[in-house]
Amino acid sequence: MRSPHALWAAVPVLAFLATPFLPFVNGPHLWFGIPSVLCWCLIWTAGTTVSLALVDRLARPEGDGEDGEPA
């Protein structure tokens, strides 16, 4: 069975797939001086990194540290 923590990785994927259907993103708007679609993608690119780090941290079994000691 897969870890339920892997669902965190689905959040950015769904955000990227929903981009063309979100009217507040897909329009002639500027966020922070750049087009809203570009800003949205930049935010979720960083969110992808955070979610994958979270999945890695939460899905790792206890005692599987990287301290150099054998398991």
C-alpha atoms as a PDB file:
ATOM      1  CA  MET A   1       0.000   0.000   0.000  1.00  0.00           C
ATOM      2  CA  ARG A   2       1.269   3.474  -0.819  1.00  0.00           C
ATOM      3  CA  SER A   3       1.865   6.063   1.802  1.00  0.00           C
ATOM      4  CA  PRO A   4      -0.921   8.654   2.216  1.00  0.00           C
ATOM      5  CA  HIS A   5       1.810  11.270   2.411  1.00  0.00           C
ATOM      6  CA  ALA A   6       2.275  10.927  -1.345  1.00  0.00           C
ATOM      7  CA  LEU A   7      -1.012  12.813  -1.790  1.00  0.00           C
ATOM      8  CA  TRP A   8       0.902  16.000  -0.953  1.00  0.00           C
ATOM      9  CA  ALA A   9       2.617  15.654  -4.329  1.00  0.00           C
ATOM     10  CA  ALA A  10      -0.750  15.764  -6.107  1.00  0.00           C
ATOM     11  CA  VAL A  11      -1.563  19.296  -4.907  1.00  0.00           C
ATOM     12  CA  PRO A  12       0.859  21.154  -7.228  1.00  0.00           C
ATOM     13  CA  VAL A  13      -0.029  18.884 -10.127  1.00  0.00           C
ATOM     14  CA  LEU A  14      -3.707  19.734  -9.727  1.00  0.00           C
ATOM     15  CA  ALA A  15      -2.854  23.432  -9.464  1.00  0.00           C
ATOM     16  CA  PHE A  16      -0.902  23.279 -12.729  1.00  0.00           C
ATOM     17  CA  LEU A  17      -3.680  21.366 -14.487  1.00  0.00           C
ATOM     18  CA  ALA A  18      -6.339  23.797 -13.258  1.00  0.00           C
ATOM     19  CA  THR A  19      -4.453  26.881 -14.502  1.00  0.00           C
ATOM     20  CA  PRO A  20      -6.363  27.385 -17.788  1.00  0.00           C
ATOM     21  CA  PHE A  21      -9.716  27.001 -16.039  1.00  0.00           C
ATOM     22  CA  LEU A  22      -9.165  29.532 -13.241  1.00  0.00           C
ATOM     23  CA  PRO A  23     -10.430  32.966 -14.300  1.00  0.00           C
ATOM     24  CA  PHE A  24      -8.388  34.853 -11.710  1.00  0.00           C
ATOM     25  CA  VAL A  25      -5.214  33.318 -13.159  1.00  0.00           C
ATOM     26  CA  ASN A  26      -5.978  33.031 -16.846  1.00  0.00           C
ATOM     27  CA  GLY A  27      -6.652  36.647 -17.699  1.00  0.00           C
ATOM     28  CA  PRO A  28      -4.995  39.958 -18.474  1.00  0.00           C
ATOM     29  CA  HIS A  29      -3.918  40.563 -14.885  1.00  0.00           C
ATOM     30  CA  LEU A  30      -0.554  41.503 -13.412  1.00  0.00           C
ATOM     31  CA  TRP A  31       0.653  40.064 -10.133  1.00  0.00           C
ATOM     32  CA  PHE A  32       3.848  41.558  -8.741  1.00  0.00           C
ATOM     33  CA  GLY A  33       4.428  43.197 -12.120  1.00  0.00           C
ATOM     34  CA  ILE A  34       4.383  39.983 -14.160  1.00  0.00           C
ATOM     35  CA  PRO A  35       1.509  38.192 -15.921  1.00  0.00           C
ATOM     36  CA  SER A  36      -0.677  36.238 -13.525  1.00  0.00           C
ATOM     37  CA  VAL A  37      -0.145  32.893 -15.290  1.00  0.00           C
ATOM     38  CA  LEU A  38       3.627  33.233 -14.983  1.00  0.00           C
ATOM     39  CA  CYS A  39       3.382  34.203 -11.320  1.00  0.00           C
ATOM     40  CA  TRP A  40       0.989  31.289 -10.653  1.00  0.00           C
ATOM     41  CA  CYS A  41       3.407  28.840 -12.259  1.00  0.00           C
ATOM     42  CA  LEU A  42       6.364  30.261 -10.324  1.00  0.00           C
ATOM     43  CA  ILE A  43       4.478  29.898  -7.046  1.00  0.00           C
ATOM     44  CA  TRP A  44       3.502  26.306  -7.783  1.00  0.00           C
ATOM     45  CA  THR A  45       7.002  25.433  -8.974  1.00  0.00           C
ATOM     46  CA  ALA A  46       8.228  26.392  -5.514  1.00  0.00           C
ATOM     47  CA  GLY A  47       5.206  24.553  -4.064  1.00  0.00           C
ATOM     48  CA  THR A  48       6.237  21.418  -5.936  1.00  0.00           C
ATOM     49  CA  THR A  49       9.648  21.528  -4.299  1.00  0.00           C
ATOM     50  CA  VAL A  50       8.107  21.994  -0.867  1.00  0.00           C
ATOM     51  CA  SER A  51       5.563  19.206  -1.351  1.00  0.00           C
ATOM     52  CA  LEU A  52       8.182  16.723  -2.576  1.00  0.00           C
ATOM     53  CA  ALA A  53      10.435  17.571   0.372  1.00  0.00           C
ATOM     54  CA  LEU A  54       7.435  17.033   2.668  1.00  0.00           C
ATOM     55  CA  VAL A  55       6.680  13.662   1.081  1.00  0.00           C
ATOM     56  CA  ASP A  56      10.320  12.645   1.425  1.00  0.00           C
ATOM     57  CA  ARG A  57      10.429  13.695   5.078  1.00  0.00           C
ATOM     58  CA  LEU A  58       7.116  12.082   6.074  1.00  0.00           C
ATOM     59  CA  ALA A  59       7.398   8.872   4.045  1.00  0.00           C
ATOM     60  CA  ARG A  60      10.859   7.973   5.305  1.00  0.00           C
ATOM     61  CA  PRO A  61      10.729   5.155   7.878  1.00  0.00           C
ATOM     62  CA  GLU A  62      11.877   5.854  11.431  1.00  0.00           C
ATOM     63  CA  GLY A  63      15.532   5.143  12.001  1.00  0.00           C
ATOM     64  CA  ASP A  64      16.437   5.766   8.371  1.00  0.00           C
ATOM     65  CA  GLY A  65      18.540   8.787   9.143  1.00  0.00           C
ATOM     66  CA  GLU A  66      21.422  10.045   7.099  1.00  0.00           C
ATOM     67  CA  ASP A  67      23.802  10.183  10.040  1.00  0.00           C
ATOM     68  CA  GLY A  68      26.122   7.536   8.594  1.00  0.00           C
ATOM     69  CA  GLU A  69      25.171   4.738  10.980  1.00  0.00           C
ATOM     70  CA  PRO A  70      24.119   1.431   9.424  1.00  0.00           C
ATOM     71  CA  ALA A  71      20.524   0.413   9.901  1.00  0.00           C
END
